[in-house]
Amino acid sequence: MSAATLPHHRYSDVLIVGGGVNGCSLAYRLAQRGKRVRVIERRGIASGASGRNGGNTGAGSPLYADKSTSVYQIASANWRMMQQIERELGIDIQFRKTGAATIATTPEEHEHLKETVAKQQAGGQAVELLEFDAARERIPELGDAVVAVEFGEERGHIWPFDLVHGLADNAAALDVKFVIGVDVGRLLTEGDRVVGVGSTDGDWFADEVVLATNAWTPHLLELPDGALVPARGQILATEAVAPGTIPCPFDTNFDKEYGRQTAGGQVVCGGFRRLDLHEGLGVEVENVTPAVLSGIGQTLTTLFPSLASVRVMRCWAGIMGFTADGLPLIGRYPELQHLTVVAGFNGNGFSWALAVGEIVAGMLSGETGDVDLSPFDPGRFAAESFVWDNPFTAGETSADAVA
């Protein structure tokens, strides 16, 4: 069916499925380029993982030290954009440029940090390894269980919900059409070309279709088993404590536990998937479990003993998209023309989304980019057999979790 014969209100240049941070970032950048864009979201803007995370962001992670240089190239660009986005969008996302701490509590973690700090420094990243005394000078509330800290300067935190809504509002001001409360159930194809999507509100058509659906991507696109799986993350939030109690975002245990103190004083902390059903992998239900929350609380009081008497005020769960190699899927899907995938950010979407929106918008507009996207090829798992080697789940993944 040609564009000329389609109902105007059902046709767009680019149709994006997913109203999270990646979908809204891409919609905004495409609209700036004059594209007619429609975003279809089954629940609400930032209703999934984009509105249910800890809010940490930055230009690097020790778990990416051995990955492609494109990772740091994108994350660094994202960090630069994050520092300007409030002014560009005219919003307050509570951005704080604080640096961030990766905290080691075991000899194994300490040795890992020594190796990854050296690799990151060789790659030009502003990181340093602080032994215990120096670390406690930087973060006085650290407990005696801490051995050392990697401190990265190009990191900080935001209020994620406000960023996603700011992107959506600015996109809407550029005439992006948002269709909320509609569930997309299938891709519409003509031969090997994607021409639109079928939904609970009928069919929608576009020259280009983008799946910014993160954990839900396998519901629309047949991927090899274990290439991209949902991963339930759980988070708790405490009552407000004194400002500066935790001066910067933190992670520990090979980035499996993480948290920060918000601008309002609350401490948020998440992790401990190893106490969840199948380590949280393959789980699509957004509920919390006592064992995981207990583990998160133990992490907080181990790292920061002064929080032992602080009350937990609320808790929640979100579903992330984890990939077999720990890298996201970014780019055109090789087996279907006019289909692009932006998904599987392994719980780190806010360190990628602003830059990825710009990169993919340029790609879909025919611009020549300077970032090698081949490490993120959405079809890479179909080319050859693979094993689960995600660094964010190393040491806690069962075979059942990714089967």
Protein backbone atom coordinates (compact mmCIF):
# COMPACT_ATOMS: atom_id res chain seq x y z
CA MET A 1 0.00 0.00 0.00
CA SER A 2 1.49 3.34 -1.01
CA ALA A 3 1.62 6.36 1.28
CA ALA A 4 -0.73 8.19 -1.10
CA THR A 5 -3.53 5.68 -0.47
CA LEU A 6 -3.19 5.53 3.33
CA PRO A 7 -5.49 7.46 5.70
CA HIS A 8 -3.50 10.56 6.66
CA HIS A 9 -4.12 10.16 10.37
CA ARG A 10 -2.77 6.59 10.21
CA TYR A 11 0.48 7.39 8.40
CA SER A 12 3.77 8.90 9.57
CA ASP A 13 7.35 9.12 8.37
CA VAL A 14 8.56 7.30 11.47
CA LEU A 15 6.52 5.26 13.90
CA ILE A 16 8.11 4.57 17.29
CA VAL A 17 6.78 1.86 19.56
CA GLY A 18 7.59 2.70 23.18
CA GLY A 19 7.27 5.89 25.23
CA GLY A 20 10.31 5.47 27.45
CA VAL A 21 13.47 7.54 27.46
CA ASN A 22 14.81 6.09 24.20
CA GLY A 23 11.54 6.42 22.32
CA CYS A 24 10.97 10.00 23.48
CA SER A 25 14.58 11.02 22.88
CA LEU A 26 14.43 9.69 19.34
CA ALA A 27 11.02 11.26 18.66
CA TYR A 28 12.30 14.67 19.75
CA ARG A 29 15.43 14.52 17.57
CA LEU A 30 13.50 13.26 14.55
CA ALA A 31 10.95 16.06 14.91
CA GLN A 32 13.78 18.59 14.99
CA ARG A 33 14.74 17.25 11.57
CA GLY A 34 11.25 17.82 10.22
CA LYS A 35 10.04 14.22 10.32
CA ARG A 36 6.40 13.37 10.92
CA VAL A 37 6.60 11.13 13.96
CA ARG A 38 4.12 9.05 15.90
CA VAL A 39 4.85 7.33 19.24
CA ILE A 40 2.60 4.48 20.40
CA GLU A 41 2.80 3.62 24.10
CA ARG A 42 0.62 0.98 25.71
CA ARG A 43 0.52 2.49 29.23
CA GLY A 44 1.95 5.97 29.71
CA ILE A 45 5.10 8.03 29.19
CA ALA A 46 7.92 6.65 31.38
CA SER A 47 5.57 4.01 32.82
CA GLY A 48 8.10 1.19 32.35
CA ALA A 49 11.76 0.93 33.32
CA SER A 50 12.36 4.59 32.38
CA GLY A 51 10.21 5.70 35.30
CA ARG A 52 11.22 2.94 37.73
CA ASN A 53 15.02 3.20 37.94
CA GLY A 54 17.56 4.71 40.30
CA GLY A 55 18.37 7.77 38.21
CA ASN A 56 22.13 7.24 37.88
CA THR A 57 23.85 8.41 34.72
CA GLY A 58 27.39 8.89 33.48
CA ALA A 59 30.07 8.35 30.88
CA GLY A 60 31.50 5.05 31.98
CA SER A 61 31.31 1.83 33.96
CA PRO A 62 34.08 -0.56 34.98
CA LEU A 63 32.00 -3.39 33.53
CA TYR A 64 32.38 -1.85 30.07
CA ALA A 65 36.16 -1.54 30.33
CA ASP A 66 36.69 -4.52 27.99
CA LYS A 67 33.94 -3.59 25.53
CA SER A 68 34.06 -1.69 22.25
CA THR A 69 35.39 1.87 22.21
CA SER A 70 32.01 2.82 20.74
CA VAL A 71 30.52 2.32 24.21
CA TYR A 72 32.59 5.12 25.73
CA GLN A 73 32.11 7.26 22.62
CA ILE A 74 28.33 7.10 22.97
CA ALA A 75 28.27 7.35 26.78
CA SER A 76 30.61 10.37 26.71
CA ALA A 77 28.44 12.11 24.14
CA ASN A 78 25.41 11.31 26.29
CA TRP A 79 27.10 12.82 29.34
CA ARG A 80 27.87 16.03 27.46
CA MET A 81 24.27 16.24 26.29
CA MET A 82 22.96 15.52 29.78
CA GLN A 83 24.75 18.59 31.09
CA GLN A 84 22.92 20.79 28.56
CA ILE A 85 19.52 19.14 28.34
CA GLU A 86 17.79 21.15 31.09
CA ARG A 87 18.60 24.38 29.29
CA GLU A 88 17.66 22.95 25.89
CA LEU A 89 14.30 21.59 27.01
CA GLY A 90 13.51 24.32 29.54
CA ILE A 91 12.95 21.87 32.38
CA ASP A 92 14.40 20.88 35.76
CA ILE A 93 15.48 17.23 35.97
CA GLN A 94 17.42 17.70 39.24
CA PHE A 95 20.66 17.02 37.41
CA ARG A 96 23.61 16.79 39.79
CA LYS A 97 27.17 16.47 38.51
CA THR A 98 28.60 14.69 41.54
CA GLY A 99 30.82 11.95 40.17
CA ALA A 100 30.03 8.39 41.22
CA ALA A 101 31.60 5.67 43.34
CA THR A 102 32.03 2.00 42.56
CA ILE A 103 32.56 0.44 45.98
CA ALA A 104 34.58 -2.73 46.62
CA THR A 105 33.96 -4.75 49.77
CA THR A 106 35.92 -7.89 48.83
CA PRO A 107 39.46 -8.61 47.62
CA GLU A 108 38.00 -9.89 44.34
CA GLU A 109 36.19 -6.60 43.71
CA HIS A 110 39.31 -4.67 44.69
CA GLU A 111 41.45 -6.51 42.13
CA HIS A 112 38.77 -6.00 39.50
CA LEU A 113 38.77 -2.26 40.14
CA LYS A 114 42.54 -2.10 39.86
CA GLU A 115 42.35 -3.67 36.42
CA THR A 116 39.38 -1.70 35.13
CA VAL A 117 40.59 1.66 36.43
CA ALA A 118 43.84 1.17 34.54
CA LYS A 119 41.95 0.29 31.35
CA GLN A 120 39.58 3.22 31.70
CA GLN A 121 42.39 5.65 32.37
CA ALA A 122 44.21 4.35 29.30
CA GLY A 123 41.05 5.10 27.33
CA GLY A 124 40.95 8.67 28.55
CA GLN A 125 38.29 8.36 31.23
CA ALA A 126 38.54 10.52 34.36
CA VAL A 127 38.59 7.81 37.02
CA GLU A 128 40.78 7.09 40.03
CA LEU A 129 41.17 4.29 42.54
CA LEU A 130 40.83 5.36 46.17
CA GLU A 131 42.01 3.05 48.92
CA PHE A 132 39.95 3.01 52.11
CA ASP A 133 41.30 6.09 53.89
CA ALA A 134 41.13 8.25 50.79
CA ALA A 135 37.69 6.89 49.98
CA ARG A 136 36.38 7.78 53.43
CA GLU A 137 37.71 11.31 53.06
CA ARG A 138 35.60 11.59 49.91
CA ILE A 139 32.57 9.77 51.38
CA PRO A 140 32.74 10.03 55.21
CA GLU A 141 29.75 7.73 55.89
CA LEU A 142 31.41 4.66 54.35
CA GLY A 143 31.45 1.63 56.62
CA ASP A 144 34.42 -0.47 57.71
CA ALA A 145 33.46 -3.24 55.27
CA VAL A 146 34.61 -1.07 52.38
CA VAL A 147 38.03 -1.92 50.91
CA ALA A 148 38.41 0.61 48.10
CA VAL A 149 36.43 2.85 45.74
CA GLU A 150 36.68 3.70 42.07
CA PHE A 151 35.62 7.32 41.67
CA GLY A 152 34.55 8.51 38.23
CA GLU A 153 34.18 12.22 37.61
CA GLU A 154 31.96 12.10 34.51
CA ARG A 155 28.95 10.73 36.35
CA GLY A 156 25.99 12.00 38.32
CA HIS A 157 22.25 11.61 38.78
CA ILE A 158 18.88 12.94 37.63
CA TRP A 159 15.17 12.61 38.28
CA PRO A 160 14.42 10.27 35.35
CA PHE A 161 10.65 10.74 35.20
CA ASP A 162 11.03 14.48 34.56
CA LEU A 163 13.59 13.97 31.80
CA VAL A 164 11.38 11.57 29.85
CA HIS A 165 8.34 13.81 30.20
CA GLY A 166 10.42 16.82 29.21
CA LEU A 167 11.53 15.07 26.04
CA ALA A 168 7.94 14.02 25.29
CA ASP A 169 6.54 17.51 25.90
CA ASN A 170 9.15 19.11 23.66
CA ALA A 171 8.53 16.47 20.99
CA ALA A 172 4.80 17.14 21.17
CA ALA A 173 5.48 20.86 20.74
CA LEU A 174 7.18 19.91 17.46
CA ASP A 175 3.98 18.07 16.41
CA VAL A 176 4.97 14.52 17.37
CA LYS A 177 1.76 12.55 17.82
CA PHE A 178 1.53 10.40 20.96
CA VAL A 179 -0.95 7.53 21.02
CA ILE A 180 -1.29 6.44 24.65
CA GLY A 181 -3.04 3.35 26.00
CA VAL A 182 -2.73 1.37 22.78
CA ASP A 183 -0.98 -2.00 22.72
CA VAL A 184 1.01 -2.93 19.62
CA GLY A 185 0.70 -6.66 18.97
CA ARG A 186 2.48 -7.28 15.67
CA LEU A 187 4.57 -5.86 12.86
CA LEU A 188 2.90 -5.35 9.49
CA THR A 189 5.05 -6.56 6.63
CA GLU A 190 5.05 -6.72 2.86
CA GLY A 191 7.63 -9.34 1.98
CA ASP A 192 10.75 -8.52 3.96
CA ARG A 193 9.72 -4.89 4.50
CA VAL A 194 8.03 -3.57 7.64
CA VAL A 195 5.28 -1.11 6.70
CA GLY A 196 3.62 -0.51 10.05
CA VAL A 197 2.19 -2.14 13.15
CA GLY A 198 -1.06 -3.74 14.19
CA SER A 199 -2.51 -2.58 17.50
CA THR A 200 -5.57 -2.71 19.73
CA ASP A 201 -6.61 0.50 17.95
CA GLY A 202 -6.15 -0.81 14.43
CA ASP A 203 -3.26 -0.62 12.00
CA TRP A 204 -0.72 2.20 11.76
CA PHE A 205 1.65 2.75 8.85
CA ALA A 206 5.01 4.44 8.38
CA ASP A 207 8.05 4.60 6.14
CA GLU A 208 10.19 3.54 9.10
CA VAL A 209 9.28 1.63 12.25
CA VAL A 210 11.38 1.74 15.42
CA LEU A 211 11.03 -0.67 18.33
CA ALA A 212 12.07 1.25 21.44
CA THR A 213 10.47 -1.47 23.50
CA ASN A 214 13.40 -2.63 25.64
CA ALA A 215 12.41 -5.80 27.56
CA TRP A 216 9.21 -6.22 25.54
CA THR A 217 10.96 -6.39 22.16
CA PRO A 218 10.76 -10.22 21.87
CA HIS A 219 6.95 -9.92 21.96
CA LEU A 220 7.11 -8.15 18.59
CA LEU A 221 10.31 -9.43 17.01
CA GLU A 222 11.46 -13.03 16.92
CA LEU A 223 14.96 -13.07 18.40
CA PRO A 224 17.12 -16.09 19.27
CA ASP A 225 16.32 -17.46 22.73
CA GLY A 226 18.40 -15.67 25.34
CA ALA A 227 19.47 -12.79 23.09
CA LEU A 228 17.30 -10.25 24.96
CA VAL A 229 15.44 -11.16 28.12
CA PRO A 230 13.37 -9.22 30.65
CA ALA A 231 15.04 -8.62 33.99
CA ARG A 232 13.07 -7.54 37.04
CA GLY A 233 14.80 -4.95 39.19
CA GLN A 234 13.57 -3.92 42.62
CA ILE A 235 14.24 -0.64 44.42
CA LEU A 236 13.47 0.83 47.83
CA ALA A 237 13.41 4.45 48.95
CA THR A 238 14.01 5.70 52.48
CA GLU A 239 12.78 8.73 54.33
CA ALA A 240 14.83 11.88 53.78
CA VAL A 241 18.17 12.06 55.56
CA ALA A 242 20.66 14.89 55.98
CA PRO A 243 21.85 16.41 52.69
CA GLY A 244 25.20 15.02 51.60
CA THR A 245 24.93 11.82 53.63
CA ILE A 246 25.65 10.00 50.37
CA PRO A 247 27.31 12.68 48.22
CA CYS A 248 27.29 10.77 44.94
CA PRO A 249 25.66 7.78 43.25
CA PHE A 250 27.21 4.43 44.07
CA ASP A 251 27.29 0.84 42.96
CA THR A 252 28.86 -2.26 44.44
CA ASN A 253 29.25 -6.01 43.91
CA PHE A 254 30.14 -5.63 40.21
CA ASP A 255 27.33 -3.11 39.67
CA LYS A 256 24.66 -5.50 40.93
CA GLU A 257 23.63 -3.13 43.73
CA TYR A 258 23.35 0.61 43.16
CA GLY A 259 21.81 3.75 44.60
CA ARG A 260 21.99 7.45 45.32
CA GLN A 261 20.62 10.17 47.54
CA THR A 262 18.03 12.26 45.71
CA ALA A 263 17.88 16.04 45.67
CA GLY A 264 15.04 15.73 48.19
CA GLY A 265 17.18 13.74 50.63
CA GLN A 266 15.72 10.26 50.17
CA VAL A 267 18.09 7.37 49.58
CA VAL A 268 17.13 4.98 46.78
CA CYS A 269 18.85 1.65 46.38
CA GLY A 270 18.23 -1.35 44.15
CA GLY A 271 19.67 -4.70 43.19
CA PHE A 272 19.94 -8.17 44.76
CA ARG A 273 18.38 -9.89 41.75
CA ARG A 274 20.17 -13.07 42.89
CA LEU A 275 17.47 -13.51 45.55
CA ASP A 276 14.66 -13.17 43.00
CA LEU A 277 13.05 -15.96 40.95
CA HIS A 278 15.63 -17.00 38.32
CA GLU A 279 17.69 -13.97 39.43
CA GLY A 280 14.90 -11.79 38.02
CA LEU A 281 15.65 -12.88 34.45
CA GLY A 282 12.64 -13.84 32.38
CA VAL A 283 10.29 -12.20 34.91
CA GLU A 284 7.79 -9.67 33.53
CA VAL A 285 5.68 -9.04 36.64
CA GLU A 286 6.32 -5.67 38.32
CA ASN A 287 6.01 -6.71 41.96
CA VAL A 288 8.50 -6.67 44.83
CA THR A 289 9.61 -9.57 47.01
CA PRO A 290 10.65 -9.53 50.69
CA ALA A 291 13.91 -11.43 50.17
CA VAL A 292 15.20 -8.98 47.56
CA LEU A 293 14.20 -5.92 49.58
CA SER A 294 15.91 -7.37 52.64
CA GLY A 295 19.10 -7.85 50.65
CA ILE A 296 18.95 -4.28 49.37
CA GLY A 297 18.55 -2.98 52.90
CA GLN A 298 21.52 -5.03 54.04
CA THR A 299 23.62 -3.52 51.27
CA LEU A 300 22.73 -0.01 52.37
CA THR A 301 23.58 -0.58 56.03
CA THR A 302 26.80 -2.41 55.16
CA LEU A 303 28.07 0.42 52.97
CA PHE A 304 26.61 3.23 55.09
CA PRO A 305 26.05 2.05 58.71
CA SER A 306 24.54 5.38 59.75
CA LEU A 307 21.43 4.45 57.73
CA ALA A 308 20.62 1.48 59.96
CA SER A 309 17.79 3.29 61.77
CA VAL A 310 16.37 5.04 58.71
CA ARG A 311 12.85 4.02 57.68
CA VAL A 312 11.97 2.61 54.27
CA MET A 313 9.05 4.59 52.87
CA ARG A 314 8.23 2.81 49.61
CA CYS A 315 9.45 0.23 47.14
CA TRP A 316 8.76 -0.75 43.55
CA ALA A 317 9.86 -2.95 40.66
CA GLY A 318 10.59 -2.37 36.98
CA ILE A 319 11.38 -4.62 34.04
CA MET A 320 14.69 -3.99 32.27
CA GLY A 321 15.98 -5.53 29.06
CA PHE A 322 19.22 -7.52 29.41
CA THR A 323 21.20 -8.86 26.46
CA ALA A 324 23.44 -11.91 26.21
CA ASP A 325 26.63 -9.82 25.89
CA GLY A 326 25.66 -6.80 27.99
CA LEU A 327 25.49 -4.42 25.01
CA PRO A 328 22.27 -2.86 23.72
CA LEU A 329 20.65 -3.45 20.35
CA ILE A 330 20.96 -0.27 18.28
CA GLY A 331 20.42 -0.03 14.55
CA ARG A 332 18.57 -1.47 11.60
CA TYR A 333 17.37 -5.04 11.90
CA PRO A 334 19.12 -6.91 9.07
CA GLU A 335 16.35 -9.38 8.26
CA LEU A 336 13.56 -6.81 7.87
CA GLN A 337 13.85 -3.62 5.86
CA HIS A 338 12.73 -0.32 7.36
CA LEU A 339 12.83 -1.71 10.92
CA THR A 340 15.15 -0.26 13.55
CA VAL A 341 15.67 -1.58 17.07
CA VAL A 342 16.69 0.48 20.10
CA ALA A 343 16.48 -1.83 23.11
CA GLY A 344 18.28 -3.90 25.72
CA PHE A 345 20.16 -1.29 27.75
CA ASN A 346 20.88 -3.56 30.71
CA GLY A 347 19.58 -1.11 33.29
CA ASN A 348 21.76 1.75 32.02
CA GLY A 349 19.44 3.51 29.59
CA PHE A 350 19.97 7.01 30.97
CA SER A 351 23.68 6.76 30.18
CA TRP A 352 22.80 6.12 26.52
CA ALA A 353 19.42 7.51 25.49
CA LEU A 354 20.17 11.15 24.68
CA ALA A 355 23.09 10.24 22.42
CA VAL A 356 21.32 7.25 20.91
CA GLY A 357 18.32 9.43 20.04
CA GLU A 358 20.60 11.80 18.14
CA ILE A 359 22.54 9.00 16.43
CA VAL A 360 19.49 7.04 15.29
CA ALA A 361 17.62 10.17 14.23
CA GLY A 362 20.59 11.03 12.03
CA MET A 363 20.68 7.52 10.60
CA LEU A 364 16.98 7.58 9.75
CA SER A 365 17.42 10.99 8.13
CA GLY A 366 20.19 9.82 5.83
CA GLU A 367 23.03 11.49 7.69
CA THR A 368 26.51 10.00 7.89
CA GLY A 369 27.46 9.17 11.48
CA ASP A 370 30.88 8.86 13.07
CA VAL A 371 30.00 6.13 15.59
CA ASP A 372 30.59 2.48 14.73
CA LEU A 373 27.29 0.78 15.57
CA SER A 374 28.39 -2.71 14.53
CA PRO A 375 28.96 -3.88 18.15
CA PHE A 376 25.27 -3.15 18.76
CA ASP A 377 23.91 -4.83 15.61
CA PRO A 378 20.39 -6.09 16.50
CA GLY A 379 20.98 -9.16 14.35
CA ARG A 380 24.31 -10.18 15.85
CA PHE A 381 22.93 -13.07 17.87
CA ALA A 382 21.36 -14.72 14.84
CA ALA A 383 24.67 -14.89 12.95
CA GLU A 384 26.27 -17.52 15.17
CA SER A 385 25.73 -19.49 18.36
CA PHE A 386 26.29 -17.59 21.59
CA VAL A 387 26.44 -18.11 25.31
CA TRP A 388 25.13 -15.81 28.02
CA ASP A 389 28.05 -13.54 28.95
CA ASN A 390 26.39 -10.48 30.43
CA PRO A 391 28.79 -8.76 32.88
CA PHE A 392 25.89 -7.32 34.87
CA THR A 393 24.75 -10.83 35.84
CA ALA A 394 28.15 -12.55 36.10
CA GLY A 395 28.34 -14.99 38.99
CA GLU A 396 24.61 -15.12 39.68
CA THR A 397 22.95 -16.43 36.51
CA SER A 398 21.41 -19.89 36.33
CA ALA A 399 20.84 -21.77 33.10
CA ASP A 400 17.08 -21.65 33.68
CA ALA A 401 17.10 -17.86 33.86
CA VAL A 402 18.01 -17.31 30.22
CA ALA A 403 16.65 -20.48 28.61
